[in-house]
Amino acid sequence: MTAVRENTLFQAVGALRNACPRLTLRQAILFLYVCENEGLSLHELAFVSRVGDATTSRGVKMLSTDDPELMPAPLLRVQPHPADRRVILIYLTEQGEALRAAIAGAIDQRQTIAVAAAA
């Protein structure tokens, strides 16, 4: 019997779920956008992820919390913009960078999913 490899999407989702069992899909999307675009403001993250500012703010708060009951380790960190302290910028923590590397590794090892043609 041949072992079937899990596809890349499920590997990435699995890595996210292992790191943060209570992670929602929306929070996962926010995390992935930050992985690709560190230093985004909350408003910019809301725009690119097509989520409202309040929802984005709650998601980032969850992903950056130090509360072990909510998040085993914070994946994001926030800091004020150096020129405008009202603007919050979002970056990955060391744990977030490690998770990004694990996801990137799964993507690098991807295999094309064969789809049977419709008859």
Protein backbone atom coordinates (compact mmCIF):
# COMPACT_ATOMS: atom_id res chain seq x y z
CA MET A 1 0.00 0.00 0.00
CA THR A 2 1.36 3.42 -0.95
CA ALA A 3 1.41 6.17 1.67
CA VAL A 4 -0.52 9.26 0.62
CA ARG A 5 1.13 12.59 1.39
CA GLU A 6 -0.98 15.30 2.91
CA ASN A 7 -1.28 18.24 0.54
CA THR A 8 0.48 21.51 1.30
CA LEU A 9 -2.63 23.40 2.34
CA PHE A 10 -3.45 20.85 5.02
CA GLN A 11 0.18 20.73 6.16
CA ALA A 12 0.15 24.51 6.62
CA VAL A 13 -3.20 24.46 8.40
CA GLY A 14 -1.96 21.56 10.55
CA ALA A 15 1.16 23.50 11.52
CA LEU A 16 -0.98 26.50 12.46
CA ARG A 17 -3.40 24.34 14.46
CA ASN A 18 -0.54 22.60 16.28
CA ALA A 19 0.97 25.96 17.22
CA CYS A 20 -2.39 27.46 18.22
CA PRO A 21 -5.22 24.95 18.72
CA ARG A 22 -7.80 27.74 19.21
CA LEU A 23 -6.79 29.60 16.05
CA THR A 24 -9.67 30.60 13.79
CA LEU A 25 -9.45 30.61 10.00
CA ARG A 26 -9.63 34.41 9.98
CA GLN A 27 -6.71 34.63 12.45
CA ALA A 28 -4.75 32.17 10.31
CA ILE A 29 -5.31 34.41 7.29
CA LEU A 30 -4.12 37.45 9.24
CA PHE A 31 -1.03 35.56 10.37
CA LEU A 32 -0.21 34.47 6.80
CA TYR A 33 -0.54 38.04 5.51
CA VAL A 34 1.87 39.24 8.19
CA CYS A 35 4.25 36.42 7.20
CA GLU A 36 4.39 37.88 3.70
CA ASN A 37 4.27 41.55 4.71
CA GLU A 38 5.89 42.24 8.07
CA GLY A 39 5.52 45.82 9.23
CA LEU A 40 1.96 46.30 7.96
CA SER A 41 -0.23 48.63 9.97
CA LEU A 42 -3.48 47.32 11.44
CA HIS A 43 -5.42 49.26 8.82
CA GLU A 44 -3.28 47.93 5.95
CA LEU A 45 -3.66 44.37 7.27
CA ALA A 46 -7.43 44.83 7.43
CA PHE A 47 -7.43 46.09 3.83
CA VAL A 48 -5.32 43.31 2.29
CA SER A 49 -7.11 40.56 4.21
CA ARG A 50 -10.54 42.04 3.41
CA VAL A 51 -11.51 42.11 7.08
CA GLY A 52 -12.82 45.05 9.09
CA ASP A 53 -10.49 47.08 11.31
CA ALA A 54 -12.16 45.88 14.53
CA THR A 55 -11.99 42.21 13.51
CA THR A 56 -8.35 42.65 12.49
CA SER A 57 -7.56 44.33 15.79
CA ARG A 58 -9.14 41.46 17.76
CA GLY A 59 -7.31 38.87 15.66
CA VAL A 60 -3.94 40.56 16.10
CA LYS A 61 -4.60 40.91 19.82
CA MET A 62 -5.25 37.17 20.05
CA LEU A 63 -2.15 36.32 18.00
CA SER A 64 0.03 38.59 20.13
CA THR A 65 -1.29 37.63 23.57
CA ASP A 66 0.97 36.30 26.31
CA ASP A 67 -1.93 34.38 27.89
CA PRO A 68 -1.01 30.65 27.68
CA GLU A 69 -4.70 29.69 28.02
CA LEU A 70 -5.45 31.49 24.75
CA MET A 71 -2.19 31.11 22.86
CA PRO A 72 0.73 28.79 23.69
CA ALA A 73 3.17 31.49 22.55
CA PRO A 74 2.57 34.83 20.85
CA LEU A 75 3.09 34.69 17.08
CA LEU A 76 2.85 38.44 16.46
CA ARG A 77 4.18 41.53 18.15
CA VAL A 78 2.90 45.04 17.74
CA GLN A 79 4.75 48.31 18.06
CA PRO A 80 3.88 51.93 17.40
CA HIS A 81 4.99 53.51 14.13
CA PRO A 82 8.12 55.59 14.79
CA ALA A 83 6.70 58.69 13.05
CA ASP A 84 3.06 58.38 14.16
CA ARG A 85 2.53 56.60 17.47
CA ARG A 86 -1.21 56.27 16.75
CA VAL A 87 -0.40 53.75 14.00
CA ILE A 88 0.35 50.19 15.13
CA LEU A 89 2.77 48.08 13.08
CA ILE A 90 2.70 44.27 13.16
CA TYR A 91 5.70 41.91 13.11
CA LEU A 92 6.38 38.22 13.72
CA THR A 93 7.82 37.03 17.02
CA GLU A 94 10.51 34.34 17.12
CA GLN A 95 7.72 31.76 17.42
CA GLY A 96 5.93 33.34 14.47
CA GLU A 97 9.12 33.22 12.40
CA ALA A 98 9.59 29.54 13.29
CA LEU A 99 6.01 28.78 12.26
CA ARG A 100 6.49 30.71 9.02
CA ALA A 101 9.62 28.61 8.33
CA ALA A 102 7.68 25.38 8.99
CA ILE A 103 4.94 26.44 6.59
CA ALA A 104 7.50 27.53 3.98
CA GLY A 105 9.19 24.14 4.32
CA ALA A 106 5.90 22.39 3.61
CA ILE A 107 5.36 24.58 0.57
CA ASP A 108 8.91 23.92 -0.69
CA GLN A 109 8.27 20.17 -0.50
CA ARG A 110 4.90 20.39 -2.24
CA GLN A 111 3.68 17.88 -4.74
CA THR A 112 1.26 18.68 -7.51
CA ILE A 113 -2.23 17.37 -6.77
CA ALA A 114 -3.43 15.24 -9.69
CA VAL A 115 -7.07 15.84 -10.56
CA ALA A 116 -8.89 13.40 -12.81
CA ALA A 117 -10.45 14.97 -15.89
CA ALA A 118 -14.24 15.01 -15.99
CA ALA A 119 -15.69 12.57 -18.51
